[in-house]
Amino acid sequence: MARRPYNQAPTREGPRVNELIEAENVRVVGADGEMVGVISKQEGLDLAMEAGLDLVEVSPNADPPVCKVLDYGKFKYEAQKKANEA
């Protein structure tokens, strides 16, 4: 029986959220859908925290990655609901 090595972290599905975002600079879309621009990850986190929301990486392969300020719990619920309908 094969075991997972101890030093390997469990994989996590879904988009990166808040501190899990690895990029230094990100393109941010605000909670109202308006483009904020390219800012540092920390500025994006501060912006999301002020709004009481999360910074979610929606397009990790873009340069710089695109992040959106939104409620991650609601985002996850709607994605699951959409997957169940299909």
PDB file of N, CA and C in Angstrom:
ATOM      1  N   MET A   1       0.843  -1.179   0.000  1.00  0.00           N
ATOM      2  CA  MET A   1       0.000   0.000   0.000  1.00  0.00           C
ATOM      3  C   MET A   1       0.890   1.245   0.000  1.00  0.00           C
ATOM      4  N   ALA A   2       0.643   2.159  -0.911  1.00  0.00           N
ATOM      5  CA  ALA A   2       1.453   3.375  -1.040  1.00  0.00           C
ATOM      6  C   ALA A   2       0.939   4.445  -0.088  1.00  0.00           C
ATOM      7  N   ARG A   3       1.858   5.147   0.498  1.00  0.00           N
ATOM      8  CA  ARG A   3       1.504   6.239   1.403  1.00  0.00           C
ATOM      9  C   ARG A   3       1.944   7.561   0.815  1.00  0.00           C
ATOM     10  N   ARG A   4       1.253   8.604   1.216  1.00  0.00           N
ATOM     11  CA  ARG A   4       1.654   9.946   0.826  1.00  0.00           C
ATOM     12  C   ARG A   4       2.840  10.354   1.707  1.00  0.00           C
ATOM     13  N   PRO A   5       3.889  10.907   1.136  1.00  0.00           N
ATOM     14  CA  PRO A   5       5.037  11.351   1.945  1.00  0.00           C
ATOM     15  C   PRO A   5       4.598  12.389   2.985  1.00  0.00           C
ATOM     16  N   TYR A   6       5.257  12.378   4.127  1.00  0.00           N
ATOM     17  CA  TYR A   6       4.891  13.281   5.213  1.00  0.00           C
ATOM     18  C   TYR A   6       5.071  14.756   4.866  1.00  0.00           C
ATOM     19  N   ASN A   7       6.051  15.066   4.033  1.00  0.00           N
ATOM     20  CA  ASN A   7       6.322  16.469   3.729  1.00  0.00           C
ATOM     21  C   ASN A   7       5.401  17.047   2.666  1.00  0.00           C
ATOM     22  N   GLN A   8       4.528  16.234   2.082  1.00  0.00           N
ATOM     23  CA  GLN A   8       3.630  16.723   1.041  1.00  0.00           C
ATOM     24  C   GLN A   8       2.308  17.162   1.666  1.00  0.00           C
ATOM     25  N   ALA A   9       1.943  18.390   1.433  1.00  0.00           N
ATOM     26  CA  ALA A   9       0.689  18.915   1.968  1.00  0.00           C
ATOM     27  C   ALA A   9      -0.486  18.340   1.185  1.00  0.00           C
ATOM     28  N   PRO A  10      -1.629  18.187   1.830  1.00  0.00           N
ATOM     29  CA  PRO A  10      -2.795  17.704   1.095  1.00  0.00           C
ATOM     30  C   PRO A  10      -3.192  18.697   0.007  1.00  0.00           C
ATOM     31  N   THR A  11      -3.667  18.180  -1.117  1.00  0.00           N
ATOM     32  CA  THR A  11      -4.063  19.067  -2.205  1.00  0.00           C
ATOM     33  C   THR A  11      -5.377  19.744  -1.863  1.00  0.00           C
ATOM     34  N   ARG A  12      -5.547  20.944  -2.367  1.00  0.00           N
ATOM     35  CA  ARG A  12      -6.736  21.733  -2.085  1.00  0.00           C
ATOM     36  C   ARG A  12      -7.376  22.080  -3.413  1.00  0.00           C
ATOM     37  N   GLU A  13      -8.655  21.804  -3.523  1.00  0.00           N
ATOM     38  CA  GLU A  13      -9.365  22.103  -4.758  1.00  0.00           C
ATOM     39  C   GLU A  13      -9.944  23.506  -4.699  1.00  0.00           C
ATOM     40  N   GLY A  14     -10.164  24.068  -5.859  1.00  0.00           N
ATOM     41  CA  GLY A  14     -10.789  25.378  -5.934  1.00  0.00           C
ATOM     42  C   GLY A  14      -9.772  26.489  -6.058  1.00  0.00           C
ATOM     43  N   PRO A  15     -10.260  27.710  -6.177  1.00  0.00           N
ATOM     44  CA  PRO A  15      -9.363  28.856  -6.361  1.00  0.00           C
ATOM     45  C   PRO A  15      -8.607  29.212  -5.084  1.00  0.00           C
ATOM     46  N   ARG A  16      -7.481  29.886  -5.258  1.00  0.00           N
ATOM     47  CA  ARG A  16      -6.725  30.376  -4.101  1.00  0.00           C
ATOM     48  C   ARG A  16      -7.454  31.582  -3.524  1.00  0.00           C
ATOM     49  N   VAL A  17      -7.437  31.686  -2.216  1.00  0.00           N
ATOM     50  CA  VAL A  17      -8.166  32.751  -1.533  1.00  0.00           C
ATOM     51  C   VAL A  17      -7.235  33.464  -0.555  1.00  0.00           C
ATOM     52  N   ASN A  18      -7.352  34.773  -0.496  1.00  0.00           N
ATOM     53  CA  ASN A  18      -6.635  35.624   0.450  1.00  0.00           C
ATOM     54  C   ASN A  18      -5.136  35.331   0.500  1.00  0.00           C
ATOM     55  N   GLU A  19      -4.606  34.892   1.639  1.00  0.00           N
ATOM     56  CA  GLU A  19      -3.166  34.702   1.804  1.00  0.00           C
ATOM     57  C   GLU A  19      -2.611  33.555   0.965  1.00  0.00           C
ATOM     58  N   LEU A  20      -3.451  32.681   0.435  1.00  0.00           N
ATOM     59  CA  LEU A  20      -2.979  31.556  -0.377  1.00  0.00           C
ATOM     60  C   LEU A  20      -2.589  31.974  -1.789  1.00  0.00           C
ATOM     61  N   ILE A  21      -2.931  33.197  -2.187  1.00  0.00           N
ATOM     62  CA  ILE A  21      -2.556  33.717  -3.500  1.00  0.00           C
ATOM     63  C   ILE A  21      -1.042  33.930  -3.495  1.00  0.00           C
ATOM     64  N   GLU A  22      -0.360  33.369  -4.483  1.00  0.00           N
ATOM     65  CA  GLU A  22       1.108  33.382  -4.491  1.00  0.00           C
ATOM     66  C   GLU A  22       1.721  34.580  -5.200  1.00  0.00           C
ATOM     67  N   ALA A  23       1.000  35.229  -6.099  1.00  0.00           N
ATOM     68  CA  ALA A  23       1.556  36.327  -6.891  1.00  0.00           C
ATOM     69  C   ALA A  23       1.789  37.570  -6.034  1.00  0.00           C
ATOM     70  N   GLU A  24       2.817  38.337  -6.384  1.00  0.00           N
ATOM     71  CA  GLU A  24       3.110  39.594  -5.689  1.00  0.00           C
ATOM     72  C   GLU A  24       2.156  40.698  -6.128  1.00  0.00           C
ATOM     73  N   ASN A  25       1.921  40.801  -7.438  1.00  0.00           N
ATOM     74  CA  ASN A  25       1.008  41.805  -7.993  1.00  0.00           C
ATOM     75  C   ASN A  25      -0.157  41.097  -8.659  1.00  0.00           C
ATOM     76  N   VAL A  26      -1.353  41.658  -8.501  1.00  0.00           N
ATOM     77  CA  VAL A  26      -2.557  41.057  -9.073  1.00  0.00           C
ATOM     78  C   VAL A  26      -3.416  42.134  -9.718  1.00  0.00           C
ATOM     79  N   ARG A  27      -4.204  41.723 -10.709  1.00  0.00           N
ATOM     80  CA  ARG A  27      -5.194  42.611 -11.326  1.00  0.00           C
ATOM     81  C   ARG A  27      -6.485  42.385 -10.548  1.00  0.00           C
ATOM     82  N   VAL A  28      -7.033  43.440  -9.964  1.00  0.00           N
ATOM     83  CA  VAL A  28      -8.178  43.298  -9.066  1.00  0.00           C
ATOM     84  C   VAL A  28      -9.447  43.867  -9.684  1.00  0.00           C
ATOM     85  N   VAL A  29     -10.520  43.083  -9.568  1.00  0.00           N
ATOM     86  CA  VAL A  29     -11.862  43.517  -9.936  1.00  0.00           C
ATOM     87  C   VAL A  29     -12.610  43.696  -8.623  1.00  0.00           C
ATOM     88  N   GLY A  30     -13.184  44.875  -8.418  1.00  0.00           N
ATOM     89  CA  GLY A  30     -13.867  45.186  -7.171  1.00  0.00           C
ATOM     90  C   GLY A  30     -15.166  44.424  -6.991  1.00  0.00           C
ATOM     91  N   ALA A  31     -15.759  44.560  -5.814  1.00  0.00           N
ATOM     92  CA  ALA A  31     -17.008  43.879  -5.483  1.00  0.00           C
ATOM     93  C   ALA A  31     -18.148  44.330  -6.384  1.00  0.00           C
ATOM     94  N   ASP A  32     -18.071  45.556  -6.895  1.00  0.00           N
ATOM     95  CA  ASP A  32     -19.123  46.086  -7.770  1.00  0.00           C
ATOM     96  C   ASP A  32     -18.894  45.711  -9.237  1.00  0.00           C
ATOM     97  N   GLY A  33     -17.822  44.965  -9.526  1.00  0.00           N
ATOM     98  CA  GLY A  33     -17.526  44.543 -10.893  1.00  0.00           C
ATOM     99  C   GLY A  33     -16.644  45.514 -11.650  1.00  0.00           C
ATOM    100  N   GLU A  34     -16.266  46.610 -11.017  1.00  0.00           N
ATOM    101  CA  GLU A  34     -15.424  47.619 -11.658  1.00  0.00           C
ATOM    102  C   GLU A  34     -13.950  47.250 -11.517  1.00  0.00           C
ATOM    103  N   MET A  35     -13.181  47.451 -12.582  1.00  0.00           N
ATOM    104  CA  MET A  35     -11.753  47.146 -12.573  1.00  0.00           C
ATOM    105  C   MET A  35     -11.017  48.140 -11.676  1.00  0.00           C
ATOM    106  N   VAL A  36     -10.302  47.620 -10.681  1.00  0.00           N
ATOM    107  CA  VAL A  36      -9.513  48.464  -9.783  1.00  0.00           C
ATOM    108  C   VAL A  36      -8.156  48.739 -10.406  1.00  0.00           C
ATOM    109  N   GLY A  37      -7.552  47.710 -11.011  1.00  0.00           N
ATOM    110  CA  GLY A  37      -6.257  47.860 -11.656  1.00  0.00           C
ATOM    111  C   GLY A  37      -5.254  46.855 -11.121  1.00  0.00           C
ATOM    112  N   VAL A  38      -4.004  47.011 -11.524  1.00  0.00           N
ATOM    113  CA  VAL A  38      -2.928  46.135 -11.063  1.00  0.00           C
ATOM    114  C   VAL A  38      -2.344  46.743  -9.799  1.00  0.00           C
ATOM    115  N   ILE A  39      -2.460  46.004  -8.705  1.00  0.00           N
ATOM    116  CA  ILE A  39      -1.960  46.462  -7.405  1.00  0.00           C
ATOM    117  C   ILE A  39      -1.246  45.296  -6.723  1.00  0.00           C
ATOM    118  N   SER A  40      -0.577  45.578  -5.612  1.00  0.00           N
ATOM    119  CA  SER A  40       0.095  44.506  -4.878  1.00  0.00           C
ATOM    120  C   SER A  40      -0.952  43.617  -4.213  1.00  0.00           C
ATOM    121  N   LYS A  41      -0.551  42.392  -3.924  1.00  0.00           N
ATOM    122  CA  LYS A  41      -1.469  41.455  -3.272  1.00  0.00           C
ATOM    123  C   LYS A  41      -1.924  42.013  -1.928  1.00  0.00           C
ATOM    124  N   GLN A  42      -1.017  42.639  -1.197  1.00  0.00           N
ATOM    125  CA  GLN A  42      -1.356  43.169   0.121  1.00  0.00           C
ATOM    126  C   GLN A  42      -2.398  44.278   0.018  1.00  0.00           C
ATOM    127  N   GLU A  43      -2.270  45.157  -0.985  1.00  0.00           N
ATOM    128  CA  GLU A  43      -3.271  46.204  -1.192  1.00  0.00           C
ATOM    129  C   GLU A  43      -4.625  45.587  -1.522  1.00  0.00           C
ATOM    130  N   GLY A  44      -4.621  44.523  -2.327  1.00  0.00           N
ATOM    131  CA  GLY A  44      -5.856  43.818  -2.663  1.00  0.00           C
ATOM    132  C   GLY A  44      -6.495  43.189  -1.438  1.00  0.00           C
ATOM    133  N   LEU A  45      -5.663  42.597  -0.581  1.00  0.00           N
ATOM    134  CA  LEU A  45      -6.173  42.007   0.658  1.00  0.00           C
ATOM    135  C   LEU A  45      -6.765  43.077   1.568  1.00  0.00           C
ATOM    136  N   ASP A  46      -6.093  44.233   1.648  1.00  0.00           N
ATOM    137  CA  ASP A  46      -6.601  45.341   2.461  1.00  0.00           C
ATOM    138  C   ASP A  46      -7.938  45.837   1.929  1.00  0.00           C
ATOM    139  N   LEU A  47      -8.046  45.940   0.603  1.00  0.00           N
ATOM    140  CA  LEU A  47      -9.281  46.379  -0.045  1.00  0.00           C
ATOM    141  C   LEU A  47     -10.423  45.413   0.275  1.00  0.00           C
ATOM    142  N   ALA A  48     -10.144  44.118   0.188  1.00  0.00           N
ATOM    143  CA  ALA A  48     -11.159  43.102   0.476  1.00  0.00           C
ATOM    144  C   ALA A  48     -11.550  43.126   1.950  1.00  0.00           C
ATOM    145  N   MET A  49     -10.559  43.294   2.829  1.00  0.00           N
ATOM    146  CA  MET A  49     -10.837  43.300   4.259  1.00  0.00           C
ATOM    147  C   MET A  49     -11.706  44.495   4.648  1.00  0.00           C
ATOM    148  N   GLU A  50     -11.443  45.653   4.042  1.00  0.00           N
ATOM    149  CA  GLU A  50     -12.252  46.845   4.314  1.00  0.00           C
ATOM    150  C   GLU A  50     -13.712  46.621   3.938  1.00  0.00           C
ATOM    151  N   ALA A  51     -13.932  45.844   2.871  1.00  0.00           N
ATOM    152  CA  ALA A  51     -15.293  45.562   2.410  1.00  0.00           C
ATOM    153  C   ALA A  51     -15.906  44.375   3.155  1.00  0.00           C
ATOM    154  N   GLY A  52     -15.120  43.690   3.986  1.00  0.00           N
ATOM    155  CA  GLY A  52     -15.611  42.525   4.704  1.00  0.00           C
ATOM    156  C   GLY A  52     -15.781  41.320   3.795  1.00  0.00           C
ATOM    157  N   LEU A  53     -14.979  41.259   2.733  1.00  0.00           N
ATOM    158  CA  LEU A  53     -15.077  40.188   1.746  1.00  0.00           C
ATOM    159  C   LEU A  53     -13.724  39.502   1.583  1.00  0.00           C
ATOM    160  N   ASP A  54     -13.627  38.600   0.611  1.00  0.00           N
ATOM    161  CA  ASP A  54     -12.398  37.854   0.350  1.00  0.00           C
ATOM    162  C   ASP A  54     -11.811  38.240  -0.998  1.00  0.00           C
ATOM    163  N   LEU A  55     -10.504  38.051  -1.141  1.00  0.00           N
ATOM    164  CA  LEU A  55      -9.819  38.233  -2.420  1.00  0.00           C
ATOM    165  C   LEU A  55      -9.646  36.839  -3.015  1.00  0.00           C
ATOM    166  N   VAL A  56     -10.323  36.579  -4.146  1.00  0.00           N
ATOM    167  CA  VAL A  56     -10.341  35.249  -4.756  1.00  0.00           C
ATOM    168  C   VAL A  56      -9.658  35.309  -6.118  1.00  0.00           C
ATOM    169  N   GLU A  57      -8.709  34.407  -6.356  1.00  0.00           N
ATOM    170  CA  GLU A  57      -7.990  34.336  -7.629  1.00  0.00           C
ATOM    171  C   GLU A  57      -8.877  33.601  -8.637  1.00  0.00           C
ATOM    172  N   VAL A  58      -9.402  34.331  -9.616  1.00  0.00           N
ATOM    173  CA  VAL A  58     -10.324  33.729 -10.587  1.00  0.00           C
ATOM    174  C   VAL A  58      -9.631  33.306 -11.877  1.00  0.00           C
ATOM    175  N   SER A  59      -8.490  33.892 -12.190  1.00  0.00           N
ATOM    176  CA  SER A  59      -7.747  33.521 -13.396  1.00  0.00           C
ATOM    177  C   SER A  59      -6.250  33.475 -13.071  1.00  0.00           C
ATOM    178  N   PRO A  60      -5.775  32.329 -12.551  1.00  0.00           N
ATOM    179  CA  PRO A  60      -4.383  32.241 -12.115  1.00  0.00           C
ATOM    180  C   PRO A  60      -3.365  32.236 -13.243  1.00  0.00           C
ATOM    181  N   ASN A  61      -3.763  31.878 -14.469  1.00  0.00           N
ATOM    182  CA  ASN A  61      -2.810  31.780 -15.575  1.00  0.00           C
ATOM    183  C   ASN A  61      -2.587  33.096 -16.305  1.00  0.00           C
ATOM    184  N   ALA A  62      -3.368  34.120 -15.991  1.00  0.00           N
ATOM    185  CA  ALA A  62      -3.189  35.429 -16.621  1.00  0.00           C
ATOM    186  C   ALA A  62      -1.915  36.078 -16.076  1.00  0.00           C
ATOM    187  N   ASP A  63      -1.450  37.102 -16.756  1.00  0.00           N
ATOM    188  CA  ASP A  63      -0.256  37.815 -16.302  1.00  0.00           C
ATOM    189  C   ASP A  63      -0.563  39.297 -16.186  1.00  0.00           C
ATOM    190  N   PRO A  64      -0.735  39.876 -15.024  1.00  0.00           N
ATOM    191  CA  PRO A  64      -0.748  39.248 -13.708  1.00  0.00           C
ATOM    192  C   PRO A  64      -2.066  38.518 -13.454  1.00  0.00           C
ATOM    193  N   PRO A  65      -2.102  37.614 -12.454  1.00  0.00           N
ATOM    194  CA  PRO A  65      -3.331  36.869 -12.163  1.00  0.00           C
ATOM    195  C   PRO A  65      -4.493  37.815 -11.840  1.00  0.00           C
ATOM    196  N   VAL A  66      -5.699  37.407 -12.250  1.00  0.00           N
ATOM    197  CA  VAL A  66      -6.887  38.220 -12.003  1.00  0.00           C
ATOM    198  C   VAL A  66      -7.546  37.736 -10.718  1.00  0.00           C
ATOM    199  N   CYS A  67      -7.803  38.679  -9.811  1.00  0.00           N
ATOM    200  CA  CYS A  67      -8.462  38.378  -8.549  1.00  0.00           C
ATOM    201  C   CYS A  67      -9.715  39.231  -8.439  1.00  0.00           C
ATOM    202  N   LYS A  68     -10.689  38.714  -7.709  1.00  0.00           N
ATOM    203  CA  LYS A  68     -11.947  39.419  -7.558  1.00  0.00           C
ATOM    204  C   LYS A  68     -12.275  39.526  -6.078  1.00  0.00           C
ATOM    205  N   VAL A  69     -12.813  40.673  -5.685  1.00  0.00           N
ATOM    206  CA  VAL A  69     -13.241  40.879  -4.308  1.00  0.00           C
ATOM    207  C   VAL A  69     -14.681  40.397  -4.218  1.00  0.00           C
ATOM    208  N   LEU A  70     -14.892  39.319  -3.443  1.00  0.00           N
ATOM    209  CA  LEU A  70     -16.238  38.767  -3.300  1.00  0.00           C
ATOM    210  C   LEU A  70     -16.334  37.918  -2.039  1.00  0.00           C
ATOM    211  N   ASP A  71     -17.553  37.483  -1.716  1.00  0.00           N
ATOM    212  CA  ASP A  71     -17.791  36.603  -0.575  1.00  0.00           C
ATOM    213  C   ASP A  71     -17.497  35.175  -1.029  1.00  0.00           C
ATOM    214  N   TYR A  72     -16.414  34.579  -0.537  1.00  0.00           N
ATOM    215  CA  TYR A  72     -15.995  33.259  -1.009  1.00  0.00           C
ATOM    216  C   TYR A  72     -17.021  32.182  -0.677  1.00  0.00           C
ATOM    217  N   GLY A  73     -17.660  32.262   0.471  1.00  0.00           N
ATOM    218  CA  GLY A  73     -18.680  31.283   0.843  1.00  0.00           C
ATOM    219  C   GLY A  73     -19.821  31.269  -0.161  1.00  0.00           C
ATOM    220  N   LYS A  74     -20.268  32.449  -0.551  1.00  0.00           N
ATOM    221  CA  LYS A  74     -21.353  32.567  -1.531  1.00  0.00           C
ATOM    222  C   LYS A  74     -20.881  32.068  -2.901  1.00  0.00           C
ATOM    223  N   PHE A  75     -19.649  32.416  -3.279  1.00  0.00           N
ATOM    224  CA  PHE A  75     -19.062  31.989  -4.552  1.00  0.00           C
ATOM    225  C   PHE A  75     -19.008  30.463  -4.622  1.00  0.00           C
ATOM    226  N   LYS A  76     -18.558  29.834  -3.544  1.00  0.00           N
ATOM    227  CA  LYS A  76     -18.435  28.386  -3.483  1.00  0.00           C
ATOM    228  C   LYS A  76     -19.817  27.721  -3.548  1.00  0.00           C
ATOM    229  N   TYR A  77     -20.794  28.290  -2.847  1.00  0.00           N
ATOM    230  CA  TYR A  77     -22.155  27.761  -2.843  1.00  0.00           C
ATOM    231  C   TYR A  77     -22.762  27.816  -4.243  1.00  0.00           C
ATOM    232  N   GLU A  78     -22.602  28.955  -4.923  1.00  0.00           N
ATOM    233  CA  GLU A  78     -23.164  29.107  -6.270  1.00  0.00           C
ATOM    234  C   GLU A  78     -22.488  28.167  -7.269  1.00  0.00           C
ATOM    235  N   ALA A  79     -21.180  27.957  -7.127  1.00  0.00           N
ATOM    236  CA  ALA A  79     -20.460  27.040  -8.014  1.00  0.00           C
ATOM    237  C   ALA A  79     -20.936  25.604  -7.801  1.00  0.00           C
ATOM    238  N   GLN A  80     -21.164  25.234  -6.547  1.00  0.00           N
ATOM    239  CA  GLN A  80     -21.643  23.889  -6.240  1.00  0.00           C
ATOM    240  C   GLN A  80     -23.067  23.700  -6.758  1.00  0.00           C
ATOM    241  N   LYS A  81     -23.884  24.717  -6.601  1.00  0.00           N
ATOM    242  CA  LYS A  81     -25.266  24.671  -7.079  1.00  0.00           C
ATOM    243  C   LYS A  81     -25.292  24.518  -8.602  1.00  0.00           C
ATOM    244  N   LYS A  82     -24.420  25.262  -9.282  1.00  0.00           N
ATOM    245  CA  LYS A  82     -24.329  25.201 -10.742  1.00  0.00           C
ATOM    246  C   LYS A  82     -23.867  23.809 -11.194  1.00  0.00           C
ATOM    247  N   ALA A  83     -22.920  23.211 -10.471  1.00  0.00           N
ATOM    248  CA  ALA A  83     -22.414  21.880 -10.812  1.00  0.00           C
ATOM    249  C   ALA A  83     -23.496  20.816 -10.616  1.00  0.00           C
ATOM    250  N   ASN A  84     -24.331  20.988  -9.607  1.00  0.00           N
ATOM    251  CA  ASN A  84     -25.399  20.024  -9.356  1.00  0.00           C
ATOM    252  C   ASN A  84     -26.485  20.087 -10.419  1.00  0.00           C
ATOM    253  N   GLU A  85     -26.706  21.262 -10.999  1.00  0.00           N
ATOM    254  CA  GLU A  85     -27.718  21.420 -12.039  1.00  0.00           C
ATOM    255  C   GLU A  85     -27.287  20.747 -13.340  1.00  0.00           C
ATOM    256  N   ALA A  86     -26.005  20.725 -13.586  1.00  0.00           N
ATOM    257  CA  ALA A  86     -25.486  20.165 -14.852  1.00  0.00           C
ATOM    258  C   ALA A  86     -25.513  18.653 -14.865  1.00  0.00           C
TER     259      ALA A  86
END
